[in-house]
Structure formats: C-alpha cells, structure tokens
Amino acid sequence: MRAFIVAAWLAAGSLTAGSAWAQAVEVNSVKYEATADLAGQKLQLNGAGTRYKFVVKVYTAGLYLTTKATTPAEALSAPGPKRIHIHMLRDIDGNELGKLFTKGMQDNVTREDFAKSINGVLKLSEVFASRKQLNSGDYFVVDYVPGIGSTLLVNGKPMLPEPIKEPEFFTSLLRIWLGDKPADDALKDALLGVKKERRR
C-alpha cells in the first residue's frame, strides 16, 4: 500500500511538472493563453514574441505544441497537432505579407520540400491577396492536424474550403520563424522559450 501511495505521488508530481511549462503571456498587449484545444488534444503555449522590422513592431506570434520544445528540431518534429497564432500590430498589404511568407519559406527549406509545399503556399497567398490588407488588430491562426492537414482562420473565420493536406507545408511555414534564416532571431528564441521577449 505504501509503495502504491509513493508511486501515485511521483506520478502526480511528474504530471504537474509536465504541465508547468505553459503559462499565459501578454506580448505588446496581445494575450496568448497557456493552452488551446485542437482536434481533441490539449496544446500548450511553447513561446510567444514580437516580429520587428528594424524598430517597427509588425506582429506578435505564439507557438502551440503538445510537448515542450527548446530547439527548432524539437518543435518541427513534435508529435500531434500544432498551431501558430499571428496577431498584427500594424497594417500590412495582403500581397506583401504573402510574398514575405513565401520568401521566408524559400530561404529556409530545400527546393524539394518547397516543391511539396507549393500547393499550400499558393492557397495562403491567394487568401492574403483576396483580403487586400491585414489591419492592426487582425489575427490569423494556422493549425496542423496529422492525417488531416493545415487550416487557416482569419479573425476566427475559416478561409480554406478544405485543409492543405501536405504535411511539408506546415513544416515549411514554421521554418519562416524557426529556420536557419529566421524572420527575426529574437522572435525565434521567444517562440522556443529560450530567451525573454525583448522590449522597446
């Protein structure tokens, strides 16, 4: 009986430790909740930060995973569903944003992986181009569910008639922020939770 109680106590301790790494954070007045539900699974906030272009704040980003990741390899290979949540801090032309994301993928993936991602790249670009502009305060979420694919929501509204099935697309998308040539080095660290969000 005593051994059972000890085992139960240790199990409870490990569960507590496993869930403690996710905490809600506020980045430039944008709140990222500690957890999110996706496809029947609980995701936890891995990290969040701000994308700067020179000294201009462009958007905040939050990465949600099922397991804690402190390296790009861990984040990209993490099992289960994943989510990237972007919240705009300034107005930006939809076409420009689509082109920046496309370039970010091209800079961080092989030609082969980019070719496998092209269907999703085109769909994402079409959505942003159709909106003409994303305004400060707008947000979009890209969710990935294994076996189903990636979905895009803008201000909570689904924007694709069906999921982007190619798993390479979501991996290529994440490499915009987590690749060898990330959009913002400080944001990369923030998403991985290895450095505090820098403040301006």
N, C-alpha and C. Protein backbone atom coordinates (compact mmCIF):
# COMPACT_ATOMS: atom_id res chain seq x y z
N MET A 1 0.83 -1.20 0.00
CA MET A 1 0.00 0.00 0.00
C MET A 1 0.88 1.27 0.00
N ARG A 2 1.91 1.22 0.85
CA ARG A 2 2.80 2.37 0.93
C ARG A 2 3.50 2.61 -0.41
N ALA A 3 3.90 1.52 -1.05
CA ALA A 3 4.56 1.64 -2.36
C ALA A 3 3.61 2.24 -3.39
N PHE A 4 2.33 1.87 -3.30
CA PHE A 4 1.33 2.41 -4.23
C PHE A 4 1.18 3.91 -4.04
N ILE A 5 1.12 4.34 -2.77
CA ILE A 5 0.96 5.77 -2.47
C ILE A 5 2.16 6.56 -2.99
N VAL A 6 3.36 6.02 -2.77
CA VAL A 6 4.56 6.69 -3.26
C VAL A 6 4.55 6.80 -4.77
N ALA A 7 4.15 5.70 -5.44
CA ALA A 7 4.10 5.70 -6.91
C ALA A 7 3.09 6.72 -7.41
N ALA A 8 1.94 6.80 -6.73
CA ALA A 8 0.90 7.75 -7.13
C ALA A 8 1.38 9.18 -6.93
N TRP A 9 2.11 9.41 -5.83
CA TRP A 9 2.63 10.75 -5.56
C TRP A 9 3.65 11.17 -6.62
N LEU A 10 4.52 10.24 -6.99
CA LEU A 10 5.52 10.53 -8.03
C LEU A 10 4.86 10.80 -9.37
N ALA A 11 3.82 10.02 -9.68
CA ALA A 11 3.10 10.22 -10.94
C ALA A 11 2.44 11.58 -10.97
N ALA A 12 1.83 11.97 -9.85
CA ALA A 12 1.18 13.29 -9.78
C ALA A 12 2.21 14.39 -9.93
N GLY A 13 3.39 14.19 -9.33
CA GLY A 13 4.45 15.19 -9.44
C GLY A 13 4.92 15.35 -10.86
N SER A 14 5.03 14.25 -11.59
CA SER A 14 5.50 14.33 -12.97
C SER A 14 4.48 15.00 -13.85
N LEU A 15 3.19 14.79 -13.57
CA LEU A 15 2.14 15.46 -14.35
C LEU A 15 2.18 16.95 -14.11
N THR A 16 2.37 17.33 -12.85
CA THR A 16 2.44 18.75 -12.52
C THR A 16 3.62 19.41 -13.21
N ALA A 17 4.76 18.72 -13.18
CA ALA A 17 5.95 19.27 -13.82
C ALA A 17 5.77 19.37 -15.32
N GLY A 18 5.07 18.41 -15.90
CA GLY A 18 4.88 18.40 -17.34
C GLY A 18 3.99 19.52 -17.82
N SER A 19 3.06 19.97 -16.95
CA SER A 19 2.12 20.99 -17.37
C SER A 19 2.55 22.40 -16.96
N ALA A 20 3.63 22.46 -16.15
CA ALA A 20 4.01 23.75 -15.58
C ALA A 20 4.69 24.67 -16.57
N TRP A 21 5.22 24.13 -17.67
CA TRP A 21 6.00 24.97 -18.57
C TRP A 21 5.14 25.94 -19.37
N ALA A 22 3.85 25.67 -19.49
CA ALA A 22 2.99 26.56 -20.26
C ALA A 22 2.31 27.58 -19.36
N GLN A 23 2.52 28.85 -19.64
CA GLN A 23 1.86 29.92 -18.90
C GLN A 23 1.35 30.96 -19.87
N ALA A 24 0.20 31.53 -19.56
CA ALA A 24 -0.32 32.61 -20.40
C ALA A 24 0.64 33.79 -20.36
N VAL A 25 0.83 34.43 -21.49
CA VAL A 25 1.72 35.59 -21.53
C VAL A 25 1.04 36.71 -22.32
N GLU A 26 1.48 37.93 -22.05
CA GLU A 26 1.00 39.10 -22.80
C GLU A 26 2.19 39.73 -23.51
N VAL A 27 2.07 39.84 -24.82
CA VAL A 27 3.14 40.40 -25.64
C VAL A 27 2.60 41.61 -26.40
N ASN A 28 3.12 42.78 -26.09
CA ASN A 28 2.64 44.01 -26.71
C ASN A 28 1.11 44.11 -26.68
N SER A 29 0.57 43.86 -25.49
CA SER A 29 -0.88 43.95 -25.20
C SER A 29 -1.70 42.85 -25.87
N VAL A 30 -1.05 41.86 -26.45
CA VAL A 30 -1.75 40.70 -27.04
C VAL A 30 -1.58 39.53 -26.08
N LYS A 31 -2.70 38.96 -25.62
CA LYS A 31 -2.63 37.86 -24.67
C LYS A 31 -2.64 36.52 -25.40
N TYR A 32 -1.70 35.67 -25.03
CA TYR A 32 -1.66 34.30 -25.54
C TYR A 32 -1.97 33.37 -24.37
N GLU A 33 -3.08 32.63 -24.49
CA GLU A 33 -3.50 31.72 -23.43
C GLU A 33 -2.48 30.60 -23.26
N ALA A 34 -2.44 30.04 -22.07
CA ALA A 34 -1.48 28.97 -21.77
C ALA A 34 -1.76 27.70 -22.55
N THR A 35 -3.03 27.44 -22.83
CA THR A 35 -3.40 26.21 -23.53
C THR A 35 -4.41 26.49 -24.64
N ALA A 36 -4.52 25.53 -25.54
CA ALA A 36 -5.50 25.61 -26.62
C ALA A 36 -5.94 24.19 -26.97
N ASP A 37 -7.20 24.02 -27.29
CA ASP A 37 -7.72 22.71 -27.68
C ASP A 37 -7.76 22.60 -29.20
N LEU A 38 -7.22 21.51 -29.72
CA LEU A 38 -7.22 21.29 -31.17
C LEU A 38 -7.33 19.80 -31.44
N ALA A 39 -8.33 19.42 -32.21
CA ALA A 39 -8.55 18.03 -32.62
C ALA A 39 -8.60 17.09 -31.42
N GLY A 40 -9.23 17.56 -30.34
CA GLY A 40 -9.38 16.72 -29.16
C GLY A 40 -8.14 16.60 -28.30
N GLN A 41 -7.11 17.40 -28.61
CA GLN A 41 -5.89 17.36 -27.81
C GLN A 41 -5.60 18.73 -27.22
N LYS A 42 -4.89 18.71 -26.10
CA LYS A 42 -4.54 19.95 -25.41
C LYS A 42 -3.15 20.40 -25.86
N LEU A 43 -3.10 21.57 -26.47
CA LEU A 43 -1.82 22.17 -26.83
C LEU A 43 -1.41 23.15 -25.75
N GLN A 44 -0.12 23.35 -25.59
CA GLN A 44 0.37 24.31 -24.62
C GLN A 44 1.26 25.34 -25.30
N LEU A 45 1.20 26.55 -24.79
CA LEU A 45 1.98 27.64 -25.37
C LEU A 45 3.47 27.35 -25.15
N ASN A 46 4.18 27.20 -26.24
CA ASN A 46 5.62 26.92 -26.16
C ASN A 46 6.41 28.21 -25.99
N GLY A 47 5.92 29.29 -26.61
CA GLY A 47 6.57 30.58 -26.51
C GLY A 47 5.88 31.60 -27.38
N ALA A 48 6.11 32.87 -27.12
CA ALA A 48 5.49 33.95 -27.90
C ALA A 48 6.42 35.15 -27.90
N GLY A 49 6.36 35.92 -28.99
CA GLY A 49 7.22 37.10 -29.09
C GLY A 49 6.76 38.03 -30.19
N THR A 50 7.58 39.00 -30.51
CA THR A 50 7.23 40.04 -31.46
C THR A 50 8.16 40.02 -32.66
N ARG A 51 7.57 40.20 -33.83
CA ARG A 51 8.35 40.35 -35.06
C ARG A 51 8.64 41.83 -35.27
N TYR A 52 9.92 42.18 -35.29
CA TYR A 52 10.34 43.56 -35.55
C TYR A 52 10.92 43.66 -36.95
N LYS A 53 10.66 44.75 -37.62
CA LYS A 53 11.36 45.09 -38.86
C LYS A 53 12.08 46.39 -38.56
N PHE A 54 13.39 46.28 -38.36
CA PHE A 54 14.18 47.38 -37.81
C PHE A 54 13.64 47.67 -36.41
N VAL A 55 13.05 48.84 -36.18
CA VAL A 55 12.50 49.11 -34.85
C VAL A 55 10.98 49.09 -34.85
N VAL A 56 10.38 48.76 -35.98
CA VAL A 56 8.92 48.76 -36.12
C VAL A 56 8.35 47.40 -35.71
N LYS A 57 7.35 47.43 -34.85
CA LYS A 57 6.66 46.20 -34.45
C LYS A 57 5.68 45.81 -35.55
N VAL A 58 5.83 44.61 -36.10
CA VAL A 58 4.99 44.17 -37.21
C VAL A 58 3.84 43.28 -36.72
N TYR A 59 4.18 42.25 -35.95
CA TYR A 59 3.15 41.36 -35.41
C TYR A 59 3.72 40.58 -34.23
N THR A 60 2.81 39.99 -33.45
CA THR A 60 3.23 39.05 -32.42
C THR A 60 2.92 37.64 -32.93
N ALA A 61 3.62 36.67 -32.37
CA ALA A 61 3.40 35.28 -32.77
C ALA A 61 3.47 34.39 -31.55
N GLY A 62 2.62 33.36 -31.53
CA GLY A 62 2.63 32.37 -30.46
C GLY A 62 2.63 30.98 -31.05
N LEU A 63 3.45 30.10 -30.50
CA LEU A 63 3.56 28.73 -30.98
C LEU A 63 2.99 27.78 -29.94
N TYR A 64 2.06 26.90 -30.39
CA TYR A 64 1.44 25.92 -29.50
C TYR A 64 1.81 24.51 -29.94
N LEU A 65 2.26 23.70 -28.99
CA LEU A 65 2.67 22.33 -29.25
C LEU A 65 2.13 21.41 -28.15
N THR A 66 2.22 20.09 -28.38
CA THR A 66 1.80 19.13 -27.36
C THR A 66 2.92 18.83 -26.38
N THR A 67 4.16 19.07 -26.79
CA THR A 67 5.31 18.83 -25.91
C THR A 67 6.24 20.03 -25.96
N LYS A 68 6.95 20.29 -24.87
CA LYS A 68 7.85 21.42 -24.80
C LYS A 68 9.01 21.25 -25.77
N ALA A 69 9.33 22.32 -26.51
CA ALA A 69 10.45 22.30 -27.45
C ALA A 69 11.32 23.52 -27.21
N THR A 70 12.63 23.31 -27.11
CA THR A 70 13.57 24.42 -26.92
C THR A 70 14.53 24.55 -28.10
N THR A 71 14.39 23.67 -29.08
CA THR A 71 15.20 23.75 -30.30
C THR A 71 14.28 23.66 -31.51
N PRO A 72 14.71 24.19 -32.66
CA PRO A 72 13.89 24.06 -33.87
C PRO A 72 13.58 22.61 -34.20
N ALA A 73 14.56 21.72 -34.06
CA ALA A 73 14.35 20.30 -34.39
C ALA A 73 13.25 19.70 -33.52
N GLU A 74 13.24 20.05 -32.24
CA GLU A 74 12.20 19.52 -31.34
C GLU A 74 10.83 20.06 -31.72
N ALA A 75 10.76 21.34 -32.06
CA ALA A 75 9.47 21.94 -32.43
C ALA A 75 8.93 21.35 -33.73
N LEU A 76 9.81 21.20 -34.72
CA LEU A 76 9.37 20.72 -36.02
C LEU A 76 8.97 19.25 -35.98
N SER A 77 9.58 18.48 -35.09
CA SER A 77 9.27 17.05 -35.02
C SER A 77 8.29 16.71 -33.90
N ALA A 78 7.81 17.72 -33.18
CA ALA A 78 6.88 17.47 -32.07
C ALA A 78 5.65 16.70 -32.57
N PRO A 79 5.22 15.69 -31.82
CA PRO A 79 4.07 14.89 -32.25
C PRO A 79 2.76 15.64 -32.09
N GLY A 80 1.74 15.15 -32.80
CA GLY A 80 0.40 15.68 -32.63
C GLY A 80 0.16 17.01 -33.32
N PRO A 81 -0.99 17.62 -33.02
CA PRO A 81 -1.35 18.90 -33.64
C PRO A 81 -0.41 20.02 -33.23
N LYS A 82 -0.37 21.07 -34.07
CA LYS A 82 0.43 22.25 -33.78
C LYS A 82 -0.35 23.49 -34.22
N ARG A 83 0.01 24.63 -33.65
CA ARG A 83 -0.66 25.89 -34.01
C ARG A 83 0.34 27.04 -33.99
N ILE A 84 0.25 27.91 -34.99
CA ILE A 84 0.96 29.19 -34.97
C ILE A 84 -0.10 30.28 -35.05
N HIS A 85 -0.02 31.21 -34.12
CA HIS A 85 -1.03 32.28 -33.99
C HIS A 85 -0.33 33.63 -34.19
N ILE A 86 -0.75 34.35 -35.22
CA ILE A 86 -0.15 35.65 -35.56
C ILE A 86 -1.16 36.77 -35.32
N HIS A 87 -0.72 37.82 -34.63
CA HIS A 87 -1.59 38.97 -34.34
C HIS A 87 -0.90 40.24 -34.86
N MET A 88 -1.55 40.92 -35.80
CA MET A 88 -0.92 42.07 -36.44
C MET A 88 -0.85 43.28 -35.50
N LEU A 89 0.30 43.96 -35.55
CA LEU A 89 0.49 45.18 -34.76
C LEU A 89 0.51 46.43 -35.64
N ARG A 90 0.49 46.23 -36.96
CA ARG A 90 0.39 47.35 -37.88
C ARG A 90 -0.30 46.88 -39.15
N ASP A 91 -0.78 47.84 -39.94
CA ASP A 91 -1.43 47.49 -41.20
C ASP A 91 -0.37 47.00 -42.19
N ILE A 92 -0.74 45.99 -42.98
CA ILE A 92 0.19 45.49 -43.99
C ILE A 92 -0.60 45.00 -45.20
N ASP A 93 -0.08 45.28 -46.38
CA ASP A 93 -0.71 44.85 -47.62
C ASP A 93 -0.73 43.32 -47.68
N GLY A 94 -1.88 42.75 -48.06
CA GLY A 94 -2.03 41.31 -48.11
C GLY A 94 -1.06 40.65 -49.07
N ASN A 95 -0.88 41.24 -50.24
CA ASN A 95 0.06 40.70 -51.21
C ASN A 95 1.48 40.71 -50.66
N GLU A 96 1.85 41.80 -49.98
CA GLU A 96 3.20 41.92 -49.42
C GLU A 96 3.43 40.83 -48.38
N LEU A 97 2.44 40.60 -47.51
CA LEU A 97 2.59 39.58 -46.48
C LEU A 97 2.73 38.20 -47.11
N GLY A 98 1.93 37.93 -48.13
CA GLY A 98 2.03 36.65 -48.82
C GLY A 98 3.40 36.43 -49.43
N LYS A 99 3.95 37.48 -50.03
CA LYS A 99 5.28 37.39 -50.64
C LYS A 99 6.37 37.20 -49.59
N LEU A 100 6.24 37.89 -48.45
CA LEU A 100 7.22 37.74 -47.38
C LEU A 100 7.23 36.32 -46.83
N PHE A 101 6.03 35.74 -46.67
CA PHE A 101 5.95 34.37 -46.17
C PHE A 101 6.53 33.39 -47.19
N THR A 102 6.24 33.61 -48.46
CA THR A 102 6.79 32.74 -49.49
C THR A 102 8.30 32.79 -49.50
N LYS A 103 8.86 34.02 -49.44
CA LYS A 103 10.33 34.18 -49.41
C LYS A 103 10.92 33.54 -48.16
N GLY A 104 10.23 33.70 -47.04
CA GLY A 104 10.71 33.11 -45.79
C GLY A 104 10.81 31.59 -45.88
N MET A 105 9.85 30.98 -46.56
CA MET A 105 9.90 29.53 -46.74
C MET A 105 11.04 29.15 -47.69
N GLN A 106 11.14 29.87 -48.79
CA GLN A 106 12.19 29.56 -49.77
C GLN A 106 13.59 29.67 -49.16
N ASP A 107 13.76 30.62 -48.25
CA ASP A 107 15.07 30.84 -47.63
C ASP A 107 15.44 29.75 -46.63
N ASN A 108 14.45 28.98 -46.18
CA ASN A 108 14.69 28.06 -45.07
C ASN A 108 14.40 26.59 -45.35
N VAL A 109 13.99 26.26 -46.56
CA VAL A 109 13.72 24.85 -46.89
C VAL A 109 14.43 24.47 -48.18
N THR A 110 14.57 23.19 -48.40
CA THR A 110 15.18 22.71 -49.63
C THR A 110 14.20 22.92 -50.79
N ARG A 111 14.72 22.89 -52.00
CA ARG A 111 13.86 23.01 -53.18
C ARG A 111 12.82 21.90 -53.21
N GLU A 112 13.24 20.72 -52.80
CA GLU A 112 12.33 19.57 -52.79
C GLU A 112 11.16 19.79 -51.85
N ASP A 113 11.47 20.24 -50.62
CA ASP A 113 10.41 20.48 -49.64
C ASP A 113 9.53 21.65 -50.06
N PHE A 114 10.13 22.67 -50.68
CA PHE A 114 9.32 23.80 -51.13
C PHE A 114 8.37 23.36 -52.23
N ALA A 115 8.85 22.50 -53.12
CA ALA A 115 8.00 21.98 -54.21
C ALA A 115 6.82 21.21 -53.62
N LYS A 116 7.07 20.45 -52.56
CA LYS A 116 5.99 19.69 -51.92
C LYS A 116 5.01 20.61 -51.19
N SER A 117 5.47 21.82 -50.86
CA SER A 117 4.64 22.77 -50.10
C SER A 117 3.90 23.75 -51.00
N ILE A 118 4.18 23.73 -52.30
CA ILE A 118 3.71 24.79 -53.20
C ILE A 118 2.20 24.93 -53.22
N ASN A 119 1.47 23.81 -53.11
CA ASN A 119 0.00 23.89 -53.09
C ASN A 119 -0.47 24.77 -51.94
N GLY A 120 0.09 24.55 -50.76
CA GLY A 120 -0.28 25.36 -49.60
C GLY A 120 0.19 26.79 -49.71
N VAL A 121 1.38 26.99 -50.27
CA VAL A 121 1.93 28.34 -50.45
C VAL A 121 0.99 29.16 -51.33
N LEU A 122 0.52 28.57 -52.43
CA LEU A 122 -0.38 29.27 -53.35
C LEU A 122 -1.71 29.60 -52.69
N LYS A 123 -2.25 28.65 -51.92
CA LYS A 123 -3.53 28.89 -51.25
C LYS A 123 -3.41 29.99 -50.21
N LEU A 124 -2.32 29.97 -49.45
CA LEU A 124 -2.10 31.00 -48.44
C LEU A 124 -1.97 32.38 -49.10
N SER A 125 -1.21 32.45 -50.18
CA SER A 125 -1.02 33.71 -50.89
C SER A 125 -2.34 34.22 -51.46
N GLU A 126 -3.18 33.31 -51.97
CA GLU A 126 -4.47 33.71 -52.53
C GLU A 126 -5.37 34.32 -51.46
N VAL A 127 -5.35 33.72 -50.26
CA VAL A 127 -6.18 34.24 -49.17
C VAL A 127 -5.75 35.65 -48.79
N PHE A 128 -4.46 35.86 -48.61
CA PHE A 128 -3.98 37.18 -48.22
C PHE A 128 -4.21 38.20 -49.33
N ALA A 129 -4.01 37.79 -50.58
CA ALA A 129 -4.23 38.71 -51.70
C ALA A 129 -5.70 39.12 -51.79
N SER A 130 -6.60 38.19 -51.51
CA SER A 130 -8.04 38.48 -51.60
C SER A 130 -8.49 39.46 -50.53
N ARG A 131 -7.76 39.52 -49.41
CA ARG A 131 -8.13 40.43 -48.33
C ARG A 131 -7.57 41.83 -48.55
N LYS A 132 -6.67 41.98 -49.51
CA LYS A 132 -6.04 43.27 -49.83
C LYS A 132 -5.13 43.77 -48.72
N GLN A 133 -5.65 43.78 -47.49
CA GLN A 133 -4.86 44.32 -46.40
C GLN A 133 -5.24 43.65 -45.09
N LEU A 134 -4.24 43.41 -44.25
CA LEU A 134 -4.47 43.00 -42.87
C LEU A 134 -4.19 44.22 -42.00
N ASN A 135 -5.13 44.52 -41.13
CA ASN A 135 -5.04 45.72 -40.31
C ASN A 135 -4.51 45.40 -38.92
N SER A 136 -3.99 46.41 -38.26
CA SER A 136 -3.57 46.26 -36.88
C SER A 136 -4.75 45.75 -36.06
N GLY A 137 -4.54 44.70 -35.31
CA GLY A 137 -5.62 44.09 -34.54
C GLY A 137 -6.17 42.82 -35.17
N ASP A 138 -5.97 42.66 -36.49
CA ASP A 138 -6.37 41.42 -37.14
C ASP A 138 -5.44 40.29 -36.69
N TYR A 139 -5.96 39.08 -36.73
CA TYR A 139 -5.11 37.94 -36.39
C TYR A 139 -5.45 36.75 -37.28
N PHE A 140 -4.50 35.87 -37.43
CA PHE A 140 -4.78 34.63 -38.15
C PHE A 140 -4.06 33.48 -37.48
N VAL A 141 -4.65 32.31 -37.64
CA VAL A 141 -4.17 31.09 -37.00
C VAL A 141 -4.03 30.01 -38.06
N VAL A 142 -2.89 29.34 -38.07
CA VAL A 142 -2.70 28.17 -38.93
C VAL A 142 -2.57 26.96 -38.01
N ASP A 143 -3.49 26.02 -38.16
CA ASP A 143 -3.49 24.80 -37.37
C ASP A 143 -3.08 23.62 -38.23
N TYR A 144 -2.29 22.72 -37.65
CA TYR A 144 -1.92 21.49 -38.35
C TYR A 144 -2.36 20.29 -37.52
N VAL A 145 -3.07 19.37 -38.17
CA VAL A 145 -3.50 18.13 -37.53
C VAL A 145 -2.99 16.97 -38.38
N PRO A 146 -2.17 16.08 -37.80
CA PRO A 146 -1.65 14.95 -38.57
C PRO A 146 -2.77 14.13 -39.20
N GLY A 147 -2.57 13.75 -40.45
CA GLY A 147 -3.56 12.95 -41.15
C GLY A 147 -4.68 13.75 -41.78
N ILE A 148 -4.79 15.03 -41.41
CA ILE A 148 -5.83 15.91 -41.96
C ILE A 148 -5.21 17.04 -42.75
N GLY A 149 -4.25 17.73 -42.15
CA GLY A 149 -3.58 18.83 -42.83
C GLY A 149 -3.67 20.14 -42.09
N SER A 150 -3.45 21.22 -42.82
CA SER A 150 -3.40 22.57 -42.24
C SER A 150 -4.64 23.37 -42.61
N THR A 151 -5.15 24.12 -41.65
CA THR A 151 -6.29 25.00 -41.88
C THR A 151 -5.89 26.42 -41.50
N LEU A 152 -6.54 27.39 -42.12
CA LEU A 152 -6.25 28.80 -41.88
C LEU A 152 -7.52 29.51 -41.43
N LEU A 153 -7.42 30.22 -40.33
CA LEU A 153 -8.51 31.05 -39.84
C LEU A 153 -8.02 32.49 -39.75
N VAL A 154 -8.81 33.43 -40.26
CA VAL A 154 -8.51 34.85 -40.14
C VAL A 154 -9.59 35.49 -39.29
N ASN A 155 -9.20 36.08 -38.18
CA ASN A 155 -10.15 36.65 -37.22
C ASN A 155 -11.21 35.63 -36.83
N GLY A 156 -10.79 34.36 -36.70
CA GLY A 156 -11.68 33.30 -36.25
C GLY A 156 -12.51 32.65 -37.34
N LYS A 157 -12.40 33.14 -38.58
CA LYS A 157 -13.22 32.62 -39.68
C LYS A 157 -12.39 31.71 -40.58
N PRO A 158 -12.85 30.46 -40.82
CA PRO A 158 -12.13 29.56 -41.73
C PRO A 158 -12.03 30.16 -43.13
N MET A 159 -10.84 30.07 -43.73
CA MET A 159 -10.61 30.72 -45.02
C MET A 159 -10.35 29.74 -46.16
N LEU A 160 -10.26 28.45 -45.86
CA LEU A 160 -9.99 27.46 -46.90
C LEU A 160 -11.15 26.47 -47.02
N PRO A 161 -11.52 26.11 -48.24
CA PRO A 161 -12.62 25.15 -48.41
C PRO A 161 -12.28 23.76 -47.89
N GLU A 162 -11.00 23.43 -47.88
CA GLU A 162 -10.54 22.14 -47.35
C GLU A 162 -9.11 22.30 -46.85
N PRO A 163 -8.67 21.42 -45.94
CA PRO A 163 -7.31 21.54 -45.40
C PRO A 163 -6.24 21.35 -46.47
N ILE A 164 -5.10 21.98 -46.23
CA ILE A 164 -3.92 21.75 -47.07
C ILE A 164 -3.31 20.44 -46.58
N LYS A 165 -3.36 19.42 -47.41
CA LYS A 165 -3.05 18.06 -46.94
C LYS A 165 -1.56 17.79 -46.76
N GLU A 166 -0.72 18.46 -47.53
CA GLU A 166 0.71 18.17 -47.48
C GLU A 166 1.33 18.56 -46.13
N PRO A 167 1.86 17.60 -45.36
CA PRO A 167 2.48 17.95 -44.07
C PRO A 167 3.69 18.84 -44.23
N GLU A 168 4.36 18.77 -45.39
CA GLU A 168 5.54 19.61 -45.62
C GLU A 168 5.22 21.10 -45.57
N PHE A 169 3.96 21.45 -45.91
CA PHE A 169 3.59 22.86 -45.92
C PHE A 169 3.72 23.48 -44.53
N PHE A 170 3.16 22.82 -43.52
CA PHE A 170 3.20 23.41 -42.18
C PHE A 170 4.64 23.47 -41.65
N THR A 171 5.41 22.43 -41.95
CA THR A 171 6.81 22.44 -41.53
C THR A 171 7.56 23.59 -42.19
N SER A 172 7.31 23.79 -43.48
CA SER A 172 7.95 24.90 -44.20
C SER A 172 7.51 26.23 -43.62
N LEU A 173 6.23 26.34 -43.27
CA LEU A 173 5.71 27.58 -42.68
C LEU A 173 6.41 27.89 -41.37
N LEU A 174 6.54 26.89 -40.50
CA LEU A 174 7.21 27.12 -39.21
C LEU A 174 8.66 27.53 -39.38
N ARG A 175 9.29 27.07 -40.45
CA ARG A 175 10.69 27.40 -40.68
C ARG A 175 10.89 28.88 -40.99
N ILE A 176 9.82 29.59 -41.34
CA ILE A 176 9.92 31.05 -41.50
C ILE A 176 10.47 31.66 -40.22
N TRP A 177 10.03 31.14 -39.07
CA TRP A 177 10.43 31.68 -37.77
C TRP A 177 11.48 30.82 -37.08
N LEU A 178 11.56 29.53 -37.43
CA LEU A 178 12.45 28.63 -36.71
C LEU A 178 13.62 28.12 -37.55
N GLY A 179 13.70 28.53 -38.81
CA GLY A 179 14.75 28.04 -39.70
C GLY A 179 16.11 28.67 -39.44
N ASP A 180 17.06 28.32 -40.29
CA ASP A 180 18.42 28.85 -40.15
C ASP A 180 18.50 30.34 -40.49
N LYS A 181 17.54 30.82 -41.31
CA LYS A 181 17.47 32.25 -41.66
C LYS A 181 16.10 32.78 -41.25
N PRO A 182 15.85 32.86 -39.95
CA PRO A 182 14.51 33.24 -39.47
C PRO A 182 14.16 34.68 -39.78
N ALA A 183 12.86 34.95 -39.76
CA ALA A 183 12.39 36.32 -39.98
C ALA A 183 12.94 37.27 -38.93
N ASP A 184 13.14 36.77 -37.71
CA ASP A 184 13.59 37.60 -36.60
C ASP A 184 14.26 36.67 -35.58
N ASP A 185 15.55 36.88 -35.33
CA ASP A 185 16.28 35.99 -34.42
C ASP A 185 15.70 36.01 -33.01
N ALA A 186 15.34 37.20 -32.53
CA ALA A 186 14.79 37.31 -31.18
C ALA A 186 13.44 36.61 -31.09
N LEU A 187 12.64 36.71 -32.15
CA LEU A 187 11.34 36.03 -32.16
C LEU A 187 11.54 34.52 -32.17
N LYS A 188 12.53 34.04 -32.90
CA LYS A 188 12.84 32.61 -32.91
C LYS A 188 13.10 32.12 -31.49
N ASP A 189 13.95 32.85 -30.77
CA ASP A 189 14.25 32.46 -29.39
C ASP A 189 13.00 32.53 -28.51
N ALA A 190 12.18 33.55 -28.72
CA ALA A 190 10.97 33.71 -27.91
C ALA A 190 9.99 32.56 -28.13
N LEU A 191 9.83 32.14 -29.38
CA LEU A 191 8.92 31.03 -29.69
C LEU A 191 9.40 29.72 -29.08
N LEU A 192 10.72 29.61 -28.94
CA LEU A 192 11.29 28.41 -28.33
C LEU A 192 11.41 28.55 -26.81
N GLY A 193 11.04 29.72 -26.30
CA GLY A 193 11.04 29.93 -24.86
C GLY A 193 12.42 29.94 -24.25
N VAL A 194 13.44 30.26 -25.04
CA VAL A 194 14.80 30.23 -24.51
C VAL A 194 15.33 31.60 -24.12
N LYS A 195 14.62 32.65 -24.50
CA LYS A 195 15.01 34.00 -24.10
C LYS A 195 13.74 34.81 -23.84
N LYS A 196 13.88 35.80 -22.98
CA LYS A 196 12.74 36.67 -22.68
C LYS A 196 12.45 37.54 -23.90
N GLU A 197 11.17 37.88 -24.05
CA GLU A 197 10.75 38.81 -25.10
C GLU A 197 11.43 40.15 -24.91
N ARG A 198 12.09 40.64 -25.93
CA ARG A 198 12.74 41.94 -25.81
C ARG A 198 11.71 43.05 -25.81
N ARG A 199 12.01 44.13 -25.18
CA ARG A 199 11.04 45.23 -25.05
C ARG A 199 11.62 46.49 -25.66
N ARG A 200 10.71 47.26 -26.24
CA ARG A 200 11.13 48.53 -26.86
C ARG A 200 10.43 49.65 -26.13
